[in-house]
Amino acid sequence: MLNYSNSFSCSVNATKSELILTFRQIHPDIGADGVNKGNKEELISELVMNLEMATALKDALETTLSSGPLAD
């Protein structure tokens, strides 16, 4: 299953041995009357990973983004 995210945050524990990635979606909050009441933020997913996995993810993202169409 794919989930769309347009916001994220990350944090590490005190010893920097674990990382938490939080993905959110921010979208307009349209009421039943059709009026935009502002933005609404929904949690999509939270991931906890050790330093080894976080480093592997960083490396994979750098490799993918440096060679793909987003790098142009």
C-alpha atoms as a PDB file:
ATOM      1  CA  MET A   1       0.000   0.000   0.000  1.00  0.00           C
ATOM      2  CA  LEU A   2       1.264   3.481  -0.884  1.00  0.00           C
ATOM      3  CA  ASN A   3       0.656   6.491   1.319  1.00  0.00           C
ATOM      4  CA  TYR A   4       1.270  10.086   0.259  1.00  0.00           C
ATOM      5  CA  SER A   5       3.276  12.286   2.600  1.00  0.00           C
ATOM      6  CA  ASN A   6       4.160  15.950   2.163  1.00  0.00           C
ATOM      7  CA  SER A   7       5.731  16.532   5.571  1.00  0.00           C
ATOM      8  CA  PHE A   8       8.210  14.681   7.745  1.00  0.00           C
ATOM      9  CA  SER A   9      10.317  15.095  10.848  1.00  0.00           C
ATOM     10  CA  CYS A  10      13.128  13.100  12.343  1.00  0.00           C
ATOM     11  CA  SER A  11      14.678  12.861  15.765  1.00  0.00           C
ATOM     12  CA  VAL A  12      17.359  10.812  17.461  1.00  0.00           C
ATOM     13  CA  ASN A  13      17.761   9.516  20.962  1.00  0.00           C
ATOM     14  CA  ALA A  14      20.368  10.965  23.348  1.00  0.00           C
ATOM     15  CA  THR A  15      23.102   8.548  22.238  1.00  0.00           C
ATOM     16  CA  LYS A  16      22.247   8.933  18.523  1.00  0.00           C
ATOM     17  CA  SER A  17      21.873   5.162  18.225  1.00  0.00           C
ATOM     18  CA  GLU A  18      18.216   5.206  17.119  1.00  0.00           C
ATOM     19  CA  LEU A  19      16.261   7.418  14.743  1.00  0.00           C
ATOM     20  CA  ILE A  20      12.524   8.128  14.566  1.00  0.00           C
ATOM     21  CA  LEU A  21      11.060   9.230  11.219  1.00  0.00           C
ATOM     22  CA  THR A  22       7.544  10.632  11.296  1.00  0.00           C
ATOM     23  CA  PHE A  23       5.600  11.147   8.058  1.00  0.00           C
ATOM     24  CA  ARG A  24       2.512  13.355   7.875  1.00  0.00           C
ATOM     25  CA  GLN A  25       0.098  14.672   5.290  1.00  0.00           C
ATOM     26  CA  ILE A  26      -0.991  18.291   5.446  1.00  0.00           C
ATOM     27  CA  HIS A  27      -4.131  19.114   3.496  1.00  0.00           C
ATOM     28  CA  PRO A  28      -6.976  21.643   3.476  1.00  0.00           C
ATOM     29  CA  ASP A  29      -9.713  21.081   6.056  1.00  0.00           C
ATOM     30  CA  ILE A  30     -12.889  21.622   4.032  1.00  0.00           C
ATOM     31  CA  GLY A  31     -16.080  21.724   6.077  1.00  0.00           C
ATOM     32  CA  ALA A  32     -19.488  20.379   5.035  1.00  0.00           C
ATOM     33  CA  ASP A  33     -20.343  23.915   3.864  1.00  0.00           C
ATOM     34  CA  GLY A  34     -17.391  23.848   1.438  1.00  0.00           C
ATOM     35  CA  VAL A  35     -15.414  26.446   3.369  1.00  0.00           C
ATOM     36  CA  ASN A  36     -11.693  25.900   3.935  1.00  0.00           C
ATOM     37  CA  LYS A  37     -11.146  26.037   7.706  1.00  0.00           C
ATOM     38  CA  GLY A  38      -7.359  25.956   7.394  1.00  0.00           C
ATOM     39  CA  ASN A  39      -4.926  23.098   7.159  1.00  0.00           C
ATOM     40  CA  LYS A  40      -5.267  19.702   8.769  1.00  0.00           C
ATOM     41  CA  GLU A  41      -2.320  17.457   9.604  1.00  0.00           C
ATOM     42  CA  GLU A  42      -2.643  13.674   9.696  1.00  0.00           C
ATOM     43  CA  LEU A  43      -0.074  11.148  10.862  1.00  0.00           C
ATOM     44  CA  ILE A  44       0.795   8.725   8.060  1.00  0.00           C
ATOM     45  CA  SER A  45       3.503   6.594   9.667  1.00  0.00           C
ATOM     46  CA  GLU A  46       6.241   6.531  12.284  1.00  0.00           C
ATOM     47  CA  LEU A  47       9.380   4.439  11.859  1.00  0.00           C
ATOM     48  CA  VAL A  48      12.015   3.655  14.452  1.00  0.00           C
ATOM     49  CA  MET A  49      15.354   2.338  13.252  1.00  0.00           C
ATOM     50  CA  ASN A  50      18.837   1.761  14.578  1.00  0.00           C
ATOM     51  CA  LEU A  51      21.843   3.766  13.413  1.00  0.00           C
ATOM     52  CA  GLU A  52      22.925   1.097  10.908  1.00  0.00           C
ATOM     53  CA  MET A  53      19.535   1.092   9.177  1.00  0.00           C
ATOM     54  CA  ALA A  54      19.285   4.901   9.237  1.00  0.00           C
ATOM     55  CA  THR A  55      22.727   5.185   7.621  1.00  0.00           C
ATOM     56  CA  ALA A  56      21.752   2.634   4.946  1.00  0.00           C
ATOM     57  CA  LEU A  57      18.567   4.604   4.245  1.00  0.00           C
ATOM     58  CA  LYS A  58      20.546   7.850   3.944  1.00  0.00           C
ATOM     59  CA  ASP A  59      22.977   6.223   1.520  1.00  0.00           C
ATOM     60  CA  ALA A  60      20.156   4.738  -0.574  1.00  0.00           C
ATOM     61  CA  LEU A  61      18.371   8.100  -0.764  1.00  0.00           C
ATOM     62  CA  GLU A  62      21.563   9.900  -1.784  1.00  0.00           C
ATOM     63  CA  THR A  63      22.291   7.321  -4.493  1.00  0.00           C
ATOM     64  CA  THR A  64      18.748   7.322  -5.814  1.00  0.00           C
ATOM     65  CA  LEU A  65      18.325  11.087  -5.835  1.00  0.00           C
ATOM     66  CA  SER A  66      21.744  11.816  -7.352  1.00  0.00           C
ATOM     67  CA  SER A  67      21.118   9.559 -10.366  1.00  0.00           C
ATOM     68  CA  GLY A  68      17.408  10.084 -11.014  1.00  0.00           C
ATOM     69  CA  PRO A  69      15.346  12.756 -12.739  1.00  0.00           C
ATOM     70  CA  LEU A  70      15.058  14.760  -9.496  1.00  0.00           C
ATOM     71  CA  ALA A  71      18.824  15.432  -9.655  1.00  0.00           C
ATOM     72  CA  ASP A  72      18.506  17.499 -12.857  1.00  0.00           C
END
